[in-house]
Amino acid sequence: MLELLLEKHTVEQVVETISSIVEKPVIFIDINFGIRGMERIEEIKDPSWIQAISMGFCSHEFIFEIINIKEIKHFPTERTPYAVKMENSGLVLVSPLIIRGNYAGALVLFSEGDDFDERHSDLLLLANEVLTEIILKIPTYKYIRGHLNEAILIDLIQGRDKENLDFKTWILESELNISSNHCVLVAEQSDANQYQEVLKDSLRDDLYFIFPKSHVVFYGNQMVVLCVDQEKTAAFKIDTHLNDFLLKHHLKIGISYFFQEIENFQQYYFQAGAALRIGVKKNPNQLSFSYEDYKFFHLLESVGKPGIHNLNNFIHKSLSVLKDYDTKHQSELCLTLKIFIDYSCNYKESCQILHIHRNTLSYRIERIKVLTGLELNSQKTLFDLAYSFRILEYQGEDQ
């Protein structure tokens, strides 16, 4: 069994090996109740299992029967094998695969008699551990990991990660452990039945064509997308493809700021949701809404709701860049920008307040633009910066 792991063999080979060792039928059911590996199946006598094996997957009726078995209800999140008496014949020994706290499949060992012992349980558990490592490491089983990535995103949305000490470890092991630029898309439809199971794969496939490295999860009436490895300045320049996708599926989306730490996913999920919610009210004929355009309205929406939003979320991100630079280089770029905006970008008045030469001011403004990418000829940008400085002033952090 350990050789299989070290040599990166397949799930099917693990099933074949464990079946040969115990000399009994073994099957592996994946996260979608598909039968991915099976050995000695001619010895299985139960009609329902025979039918499932012949189709290659468990029917909905059979799944319903399985999940309502008392033993399975009692052990939903434990790897330790447990015996289940079949209605028609014999016993099965079941060992669920639990990866990052979520169900990822099950190994099932069949017996016509009552001859399971501790050795069977130990060997099945060992096979379970080998299978888990194979699924985590081999690209063939990306579809299983995809479901597990979705489970992590749901936990992030709901804030459950803060309650689980193993959560950071799960992220490190997952395909979400990346440091490139992320953003969150939140999409909704007006049709109450929009996300039927038959439509989800179509939505995913079409979206992957536009954002190949994205991760999609369906949450309530929303489709939530983590877009990975995006260019900050060109993430949505493919407007034609994106608009065609939105029109085809009758969707509207909100788009968050960019970020890098996946642990902050919830904050940016809220941003994308707010952009969508407010954008649809303000501009109902549009299809996509950027949080950058609706942040101030989100701030106004939060007035009178203490504790729901952190004021720091509404401060223009460029100011943190300037503050860090000032701290490191003992400069006054943040103060310079504040005065420059307070005095309507008037060079003469700003120089008088700062007690510096015009050339010095010009140098500082150019340095600010290089560090932040700010366009100081945009009235919206100036407005965002102005109220960001007011928030800092309110918090006692003004210059």
Protein backbone atom coordinates (compact mmCIF):
# COMPACT_ATOMS: atom_id res chain seq x y z
CA MET A 1 0.00 0.00 0.00
CA LEU A 2 2.81 2.40 0.85
CA GLU A 3 4.57 1.57 -2.43
CA LEU A 4 1.41 2.63 -4.27
CA LEU A 5 1.57 6.00 -2.55
CA LEU A 6 5.29 6.54 -3.14
CA GLU A 7 5.01 5.61 -6.82
CA LYS A 8 1.91 7.79 -7.35
CA HIS A 9 -0.45 5.05 -8.48
CA THR A 10 -4.16 5.51 -9.14
CA VAL A 11 -7.30 5.12 -7.06
CA GLU A 12 -8.17 2.03 -9.10
CA GLN A 13 -4.84 0.39 -8.25
CA VAL A 14 -5.37 1.06 -4.54
CA VAL A 15 -8.79 -0.62 -4.75
CA GLU A 16 -7.29 -3.58 -6.61
CA THR A 17 -4.53 -3.98 -4.02
CA ILE A 18 -6.71 -3.79 -0.91
CA SER A 19 -9.21 -6.21 -2.48
CA SER A 20 -6.38 -8.68 -3.21
CA ILE A 21 -5.08 -8.45 0.37
CA VAL A 22 -8.43 -9.03 2.09
CA GLU A 23 -9.77 -11.34 -0.65
CA LYS A 24 -13.13 -9.57 -0.73
CA PRO A 25 -14.95 -7.21 -3.14
CA VAL A 26 -14.03 -3.53 -2.73
CA ILE A 27 -15.35 -0.43 -4.51
CA PHE A 28 -14.55 3.27 -4.23
CA ILE A 29 -17.43 5.76 -4.50
CA ASP A 30 -16.34 9.30 -5.32
CA ILE A 31 -17.78 12.58 -4.08
CA ASN A 32 -20.53 12.47 -6.75
CA PHE A 33 -21.48 8.85 -5.93
CA GLY A 34 -19.74 7.66 -9.09
CA ILE A 35 -18.00 4.28 -8.88
CA ARG A 36 -14.33 4.98 -9.66
CA GLY A 37 -12.72 1.67 -8.69
CA MET A 38 -14.01 -1.88 -8.17
CA GLU A 39 -12.61 -5.39 -7.72
CA ARG A 40 -14.14 -8.90 -7.39
CA ILE A 41 -17.56 -7.42 -8.18
CA GLU A 42 -18.86 -10.79 -9.38
CA GLU A 43 -19.01 -11.78 -5.69
CA ILE A 44 -21.43 -8.95 -4.81
CA LYS A 45 -24.99 -10.28 -4.50
CA ASP A 46 -27.01 -7.24 -3.43
CA PRO A 47 -29.30 -6.19 -6.37
CA SER A 48 -29.04 -2.45 -5.70
CA TRP A 49 -25.24 -2.54 -5.69
CA ILE A 50 -25.19 -4.73 -8.81
CA GLN A 51 -27.34 -2.16 -10.63
CA ALA A 52 -25.16 0.76 -9.44
CA ILE A 53 -21.99 -1.05 -10.56
CA SER A 54 -23.48 -1.80 -13.99
CA MET A 55 -24.36 1.91 -14.49
CA GLY A 56 -21.08 3.18 -13.01
CA PHE A 57 -22.87 5.41 -10.52
CA CYS A 58 -25.48 5.27 -7.77
CA SER A 59 -28.99 6.35 -8.74
CA HIS A 60 -30.73 9.14 -6.80
CA GLU A 61 -33.07 6.57 -5.26
CA PHE A 62 -30.14 4.43 -4.14
CA ILE A 63 -28.29 7.46 -2.75
CA PHE A 64 -31.39 8.38 -0.77
CA GLU A 65 -31.45 4.88 0.69
CA ILE A 66 -27.74 5.03 1.54
CA ILE A 67 -27.78 8.39 3.32
CA ASN A 68 -30.75 7.34 5.44
CA ILE A 69 -29.06 4.24 6.85
CA LYS A 70 -28.75 4.66 10.62
CA GLU A 71 -25.02 3.89 10.76
CA ILE A 72 -24.18 6.37 8.00
CA LYS A 73 -26.17 9.11 9.73
CA HIS A 74 -24.28 8.36 12.93
CA PHE A 75 -20.77 8.52 11.40
CA PRO A 76 -20.88 11.29 8.77
CA THR A 77 -17.39 12.76 9.34
CA GLU A 78 -15.25 9.91 10.66
CA ARG A 79 -12.73 7.89 8.64
CA THR A 80 -12.89 4.92 11.00
CA PRO A 81 -14.62 2.05 9.15
CA TYR A 82 -18.03 0.95 10.37
CA ALA A 83 -20.19 -2.02 9.40
CA VAL A 84 -23.59 -1.68 7.77
CA LYS A 85 -26.04 -4.61 7.45
CA MET A 86 -27.39 -4.84 3.91
CA GLU A 87 -31.12 -5.25 3.53
CA ASN A 88 -30.85 -8.09 1.06
CA SER A 89 -27.58 -9.83 1.89
CA GLY A 90 -24.38 -9.67 3.91
CA LEU A 91 -22.43 -6.80 5.44
CA VAL A 92 -20.42 -3.90 4.09
CA LEU A 93 -17.57 -2.15 5.86
CA VAL A 94 -17.57 1.58 5.00
CA SER A 95 -14.63 3.99 5.42
CA PRO A 96 -15.48 7.60 4.36
CA LEU A 97 -12.71 9.76 2.87
CA ILE A 98 -12.63 12.99 4.85
CA ILE A 99 -10.40 15.66 3.31
CA ARG A 100 -10.10 19.12 4.90
CA GLY A 101 -13.09 18.34 7.06
CA ASN A 102 -15.37 17.44 4.14
CA TYR A 103 -16.69 14.18 2.68
CA ALA A 104 -14.74 13.23 -0.48
CA GLY A 105 -15.92 9.67 -1.16
CA ALA A 106 -15.95 6.25 0.51
CA LEU A 107 -14.26 2.86 0.37
CA VAL A 108 -16.72 -0.02 0.69
CA LEU A 109 -15.66 -3.58 1.55
CA PHE A 110 -18.23 -6.34 0.97
CA SER A 111 -18.75 -9.64 2.80
CA GLU A 112 -21.38 -12.32 2.48
CA GLY A 113 -20.88 -13.41 6.10
CA ASP A 114 -20.21 -11.77 9.46
CA ASP A 115 -16.46 -12.21 9.30
CA PHE A 116 -15.13 -8.62 9.48
CA ASP A 117 -12.44 -8.27 12.12
CA GLU A 118 -9.95 -5.66 13.34
CA ARG A 119 -7.53 -6.53 10.54
CA HIS A 120 -10.11 -5.66 7.88
CA SER A 121 -10.81 -2.35 9.58
CA ASP A 122 -7.11 -1.46 9.91
CA LEU A 123 -6.35 -2.31 6.27
CA LEU A 124 -9.35 -0.37 4.98
CA LEU A 125 -8.31 2.65 7.05
CA LEU A 126 -4.76 2.41 5.65
CA ALA A 127 -6.16 2.28 2.11
CA ASN A 128 -8.27 5.33 2.98
CA GLU A 129 -5.16 7.29 4.02
CA VAL A 130 -3.30 6.29 0.84
CA LEU A 131 -6.28 7.28 -1.32
CA THR A 132 -6.49 10.66 0.42
CA GLU A 133 -2.86 11.44 -0.39
CA ILE A 134 -3.30 10.32 -4.02
CA ILE A 135 -6.38 12.50 -4.49
CA LEU A 136 -4.57 15.52 -3.07
CA LYS A 137 -1.48 15.13 -5.25
CA ILE A 138 -2.43 13.65 -8.63
CA PRO A 139 -4.00 15.96 -11.29
CA THR A 140 -6.38 13.20 -12.46
CA TYR A 141 -8.46 13.74 -9.34
CA LYS A 142 -8.79 17.52 -9.68
CA TYR A 143 -12.60 17.16 -9.92
CA ILE A 144 -12.70 15.86 -6.33
CA ARG A 145 -10.42 18.64 -5.13
CA GLY A 146 -12.69 21.11 -6.94
CA HIS A 147 -15.57 20.11 -4.69
CA LEU A 148 -13.32 20.47 -1.66
CA ASN A 149 -12.19 23.94 -2.81
CA GLU A 150 -15.86 24.90 -3.02
CA ALA A 151 -16.37 23.71 0.55
CA ILE A 152 -13.51 25.96 1.71
CA LEU A 153 -15.00 28.95 -0.12
CA ILE A 154 -18.37 28.33 1.56
CA ASP A 155 -16.60 28.26 4.93
CA LEU A 156 -14.86 31.55 4.07
CA ILE A 157 -18.14 33.18 3.02
CA GLN A 158 -19.81 32.13 6.26
CA GLY A 159 -16.82 32.97 8.45
CA ARG A 160 -16.54 29.43 9.79
CA ASP A 161 -12.78 29.44 9.18
CA LYS A 162 -12.34 31.50 12.36
CA GLU A 163 -13.75 28.61 14.38
CA ASN A 164 -11.55 25.87 12.92
CA LEU A 165 -7.93 25.54 14.02
CA ASP A 166 -7.10 23.36 10.98
CA PHE A 167 -8.45 25.82 8.43
CA LYS A 168 -5.11 27.44 7.52
CA THR A 169 -3.63 23.99 6.99
CA TRP A 170 -6.47 23.09 4.63
CA ILE A 171 -5.88 26.25 2.62
CA LEU A 172 -2.18 25.46 2.34
CA GLU A 173 -3.05 22.01 0.97
CA SER A 174 -5.74 23.31 -1.40
CA GLU A 175 -5.60 24.87 -4.86
CA LEU A 176 -6.61 28.16 -3.23
CA ASN A 177 -3.14 28.57 -1.72
CA ILE A 178 -1.96 31.16 -4.24
CA SER A 179 -0.51 34.64 -3.84
CA SER A 180 -1.39 36.19 -7.21
CA ASN A 181 -4.06 38.84 -7.68
CA HIS A 182 -7.60 37.70 -6.86
CA CYS A 183 -10.97 39.35 -7.18
CA VAL A 184 -14.47 38.14 -6.37
CA LEU A 185 -17.47 38.15 -8.69
CA VAL A 186 -20.99 37.74 -7.33
CA ALA A 187 -23.67 36.95 -9.93
CA GLU A 188 -27.43 36.72 -9.57
CA GLN A 189 -30.42 36.06 -11.81
CA SER A 190 -33.99 37.27 -11.46
CA ASP A 191 -35.33 33.76 -12.07
CA ALA A 192 -35.91 32.05 -8.71
CA ASN A 193 -35.06 28.64 -10.21
CA GLN A 194 -31.89 29.77 -11.94
CA TYR A 195 -29.34 27.45 -10.37
CA GLN A 196 -30.88 24.07 -11.01
CA GLU A 197 -28.33 21.26 -10.98
CA VAL A 198 -28.55 20.76 -14.74
CA LEU A 199 -27.49 24.38 -15.35
CA LYS A 200 -24.54 24.56 -12.97
CA ASP A 201 -22.10 22.67 -15.18
CA SER A 202 -23.02 24.85 -18.16
CA LEU A 203 -22.42 28.01 -16.14
CA ARG A 204 -19.07 26.70 -14.90
CA ASP A 205 -17.90 25.62 -18.35
CA ASP A 206 -18.77 28.96 -19.96
CA LEU A 207 -17.15 30.90 -17.12
CA TYR A 208 -13.96 28.81 -17.24
CA PHE A 209 -13.64 29.81 -20.90
CA ILE A 210 -13.39 33.47 -19.79
CA PHE A 211 -11.52 32.93 -16.50
CA PRO A 212 -9.66 29.59 -16.84
CA LYS A 213 -8.22 29.72 -13.32
CA SER A 214 -11.43 30.64 -11.54
CA HIS A 215 -13.19 28.75 -8.74
CA VAL A 216 -17.00 28.75 -8.69
CA VAL A 217 -19.38 28.02 -5.83
CA PHE A 218 -23.17 28.33 -5.69
CA TYR A 219 -24.35 29.99 -2.50
CA GLY A 220 -28.06 30.59 -2.01
CA ASN A 221 -29.29 32.51 -5.05
CA GLN A 222 -25.77 33.62 -5.96
CA MET A 223 -22.97 32.28 -8.09
CA VAL A 224 -19.75 33.33 -6.35
CA VAL A 225 -16.54 33.30 -8.37
CA LEU A 226 -12.95 33.60 -7.19
CA CYS A 227 -10.96 34.91 -10.18
CA VAL A 228 -7.29 34.07 -9.86
CA ASP A 229 -4.14 35.50 -11.41
CA GLN A 230 -5.76 38.56 -12.92
CA GLU A 231 -4.03 41.67 -14.28
CA LYS A 232 -5.09 44.55 -12.05
CA THR A 233 -5.33 46.96 -14.93
CA ALA A 234 -6.84 44.60 -17.50
CA ALA A 235 -8.87 42.01 -15.62
CA PHE A 236 -12.10 42.76 -17.47
CA LYS A 237 -10.96 44.14 -20.78
CA ILE A 238 -12.54 41.07 -22.40
CA ASP A 239 -15.87 42.87 -22.17
CA THR A 240 -17.33 41.14 -25.23
CA HIS A 241 -16.85 37.63 -23.83
CA LEU A 242 -17.99 38.62 -20.37
CA ASN A 243 -21.07 40.47 -21.62
CA ASP A 244 -21.98 37.57 -23.91
CA PHE A 245 -21.75 35.22 -20.92
CA LEU A 246 -23.95 37.51 -18.80
CA LEU A 247 -26.52 37.92 -21.56
CA LYS A 248 -26.62 34.20 -22.33
CA HIS A 249 -27.34 33.26 -18.72
CA HIS A 250 -29.40 36.35 -17.80
CA LEU A 251 -26.86 37.35 -15.15
CA LYS A 252 -25.66 40.56 -13.55
CA ILE A 253 -22.44 40.66 -11.55
CA GLY A 254 -20.68 42.69 -8.90
CA ILE A 255 -16.88 42.89 -8.97
CA SER A 256 -14.70 43.39 -5.87
CA TYR A 257 -11.34 45.08 -5.44
CA PHE A 258 -8.23 42.98 -6.04
CA PHE A 259 -6.58 41.20 -3.11
CA GLN A 260 -3.99 38.51 -2.41
CA GLU A 261 -4.68 36.81 0.94
CA ILE A 262 -7.42 34.19 0.47
CA GLU A 263 -8.22 34.44 4.19
CA ASN A 264 -9.79 37.86 3.38
CA PHE A 265 -12.20 36.32 0.86
CA GLN A 266 -15.29 37.17 2.93
CA GLN A 267 -14.52 40.92 2.93
CA TYR A 268 -14.25 40.98 -0.88
CA TYR A 269 -17.31 38.76 -1.26
CA PHE A 270 -19.21 41.46 0.64
CA GLN A 271 -17.74 44.12 -1.67
CA ALA A 272 -18.87 42.31 -4.83
CA GLY A 273 -22.30 41.70 -3.31
CA ALA A 274 -22.65 45.36 -2.37
CA ALA A 275 -21.59 46.50 -5.84
CA LEU A 276 -24.22 44.22 -7.39
CA ARG A 277 -26.98 45.18 -4.93
CA ILE A 278 -26.41 48.94 -5.18
CA GLY A 279 -25.49 48.92 -8.87
CA VAL A 280 -28.73 47.24 -9.90
CA LYS A 281 -30.67 49.97 -8.09
CA LYS A 282 -28.66 52.85 -9.52
CA ASN A 283 -28.14 51.55 -13.07
CA PRO A 284 -30.63 48.75 -13.74
CA ASN A 285 -29.72 48.51 -17.44
CA GLN A 286 -26.06 47.63 -16.77
CA LEU A 287 -24.81 44.05 -16.54
CA SER A 288 -21.65 44.47 -14.41
CA PHE A 289 -20.88 46.69 -11.45
CA SER A 290 -17.44 47.44 -9.99
CA TYR A 291 -17.11 48.08 -6.27
CA GLU A 292 -14.79 50.98 -7.13
CA ASP A 293 -17.83 52.80 -8.53
CA TYR A 294 -20.18 52.07 -5.63
CA LYS A 295 -17.94 52.12 -2.57
CA PHE A 296 -19.20 55.50 -1.38
CA PHE A 297 -22.82 54.35 -1.62
CA HIS A 298 -21.83 51.28 0.39
CA LEU A 299 -20.37 53.58 3.02
CA LEU A 300 -23.63 55.55 3.17
CA GLU A 301 -25.59 52.28 3.35
CA SER A 302 -23.58 51.27 6.41
CA VAL A 303 -24.40 54.46 8.36
CA GLY A 304 -26.44 53.57 11.42
CA LYS A 305 -25.28 49.94 11.37
CA PRO A 306 -22.37 49.94 13.83
CA GLY A 307 -20.15 46.88 13.84
CA ILE A 308 -21.27 45.64 10.42
CA HIS A 309 -18.56 47.35 8.38
CA ASN A 310 -15.01 48.35 9.20
CA LEU A 311 -14.36 51.98 8.19
CA ASN A 312 -10.88 50.97 7.01
CA ASN A 313 -12.57 49.07 4.17
CA PHE A 314 -13.70 52.41 2.71
CA ILE A 315 -10.30 54.13 2.76
CA HIS A 316 -8.70 54.34 -0.67
CA LYS A 317 -6.09 51.58 -0.89
CA SER A 318 -3.50 54.00 -2.28
CA LEU A 319 -3.25 55.74 1.09
CA SER A 320 -1.92 52.62 2.81
CA VAL A 321 0.77 52.42 0.09
CA LEU A 322 1.78 56.02 0.76
CA LYS A 323 1.71 55.62 4.55
CA ASP A 324 3.97 52.57 4.35
CA TYR A 325 6.34 54.42 2.04
CA ASP A 326 6.42 57.45 4.36
CA THR A 327 7.21 55.25 7.35
CA LYS A 328 10.01 53.48 5.52
CA HIS A 329 11.56 56.56 3.92
CA GLN A 330 10.61 59.24 6.49
CA SER A 331 8.86 61.20 3.73
CA GLU A 332 5.62 63.21 3.66
CA LEU A 333 3.84 61.96 0.55
CA CYS A 334 0.56 61.22 2.35
CA LEU A 335 0.46 64.70 3.93
CA THR A 336 1.40 66.25 0.59
CA LEU A 337 -1.48 64.50 -1.18
CA LYS A 338 -3.94 65.54 1.54
CA ILE A 339 -2.98 69.22 1.32
CA PHE A 340 -2.93 69.11 -2.49
CA ILE A 341 -6.50 67.76 -2.54
CA ASP A 342 -7.72 70.07 0.25
CA TYR A 343 -6.58 73.06 -1.82
CA SER A 344 -8.20 71.87 -5.05
CA CYS A 345 -4.90 70.75 -6.62
CA ASN A 346 -3.66 74.35 -6.60
CA TYR A 347 0.15 74.26 -6.69
CA LYS A 348 0.71 77.76 -5.34
CA GLU A 349 -1.52 77.43 -2.27
CA SER A 350 -0.33 73.88 -1.55
CA CYS A 351 3.32 75.01 -1.63
CA GLN A 352 2.55 77.83 0.82
CA ILE A 353 0.88 75.46 3.31
CA LEU A 354 3.63 72.85 3.02
CA HIS A 355 6.43 75.44 2.97
CA ILE A 356 8.12 73.81 -0.01
CA HIS A 357 9.24 74.90 -3.49
CA ARG A 358 6.99 74.25 -6.48
CA ASN A 359 9.58 71.87 -7.97
CA THR A 360 9.53 69.85 -4.74
CA LEU A 361 5.76 69.62 -4.88
CA SER A 362 5.88 68.56 -8.53
CA TYR A 363 8.42 65.85 -7.69
CA ARG A 364 6.27 64.56 -4.81
CA ILE A 365 3.10 64.46 -6.93
CA GLU A 366 4.89 62.51 -9.67
CA ARG A 367 6.30 60.13 -7.03
CA ILE A 368 2.77 59.59 -5.66
CA LYS A 369 1.49 58.76 -9.14
CA VAL A 370 4.29 56.26 -9.75
CA LEU A 371 3.76 54.49 -6.41
CA THR A 372 -0.04 54.31 -6.58
CA GLY A 373 -1.04 54.65 -10.22
CA LEU A 374 -3.46 57.44 -9.22
CA GLU A 375 -4.93 59.68 -11.88
CA LEU A 376 -5.30 63.02 -10.11
CA ASN A 377 -7.22 64.58 -12.98
CA SER A 378 -10.22 62.33 -12.21
CA GLN A 379 -12.90 64.03 -10.12
CA LYS A 380 -14.10 60.67 -8.82
CA THR A 381 -10.58 59.71 -7.68
CA LEU A 382 -10.16 63.07 -5.95
CA PHE A 383 -13.53 62.60 -4.23
CA ASP A 384 -12.60 59.07 -3.07
CA LEU A 385 -9.29 60.35 -1.71
CA ALA A 386 -10.93 63.34 0.00
CA TYR A 387 -13.42 61.27 1.98
CA SER A 388 -10.72 58.69 2.73
CA PHE A 389 -8.69 61.43 4.42
CA ARG A 390 -11.83 62.45 6.34
CA ILE A 391 -12.18 58.87 7.61
CA LEU A 392 -8.56 58.93 8.78
CA GLU A 393 -9.24 62.24 10.46
CA TYR A 394 -12.31 60.78 12.17
CA GLN A 395 -10.19 57.85 13.39
CA GLY A 396 -7.51 60.21 14.70
CA GLU A 397 -4.97 59.14 12.09
CA ASP A 398 -4.96 62.32 10.02
CA GLN A 399 -1.73 64.03 9.15
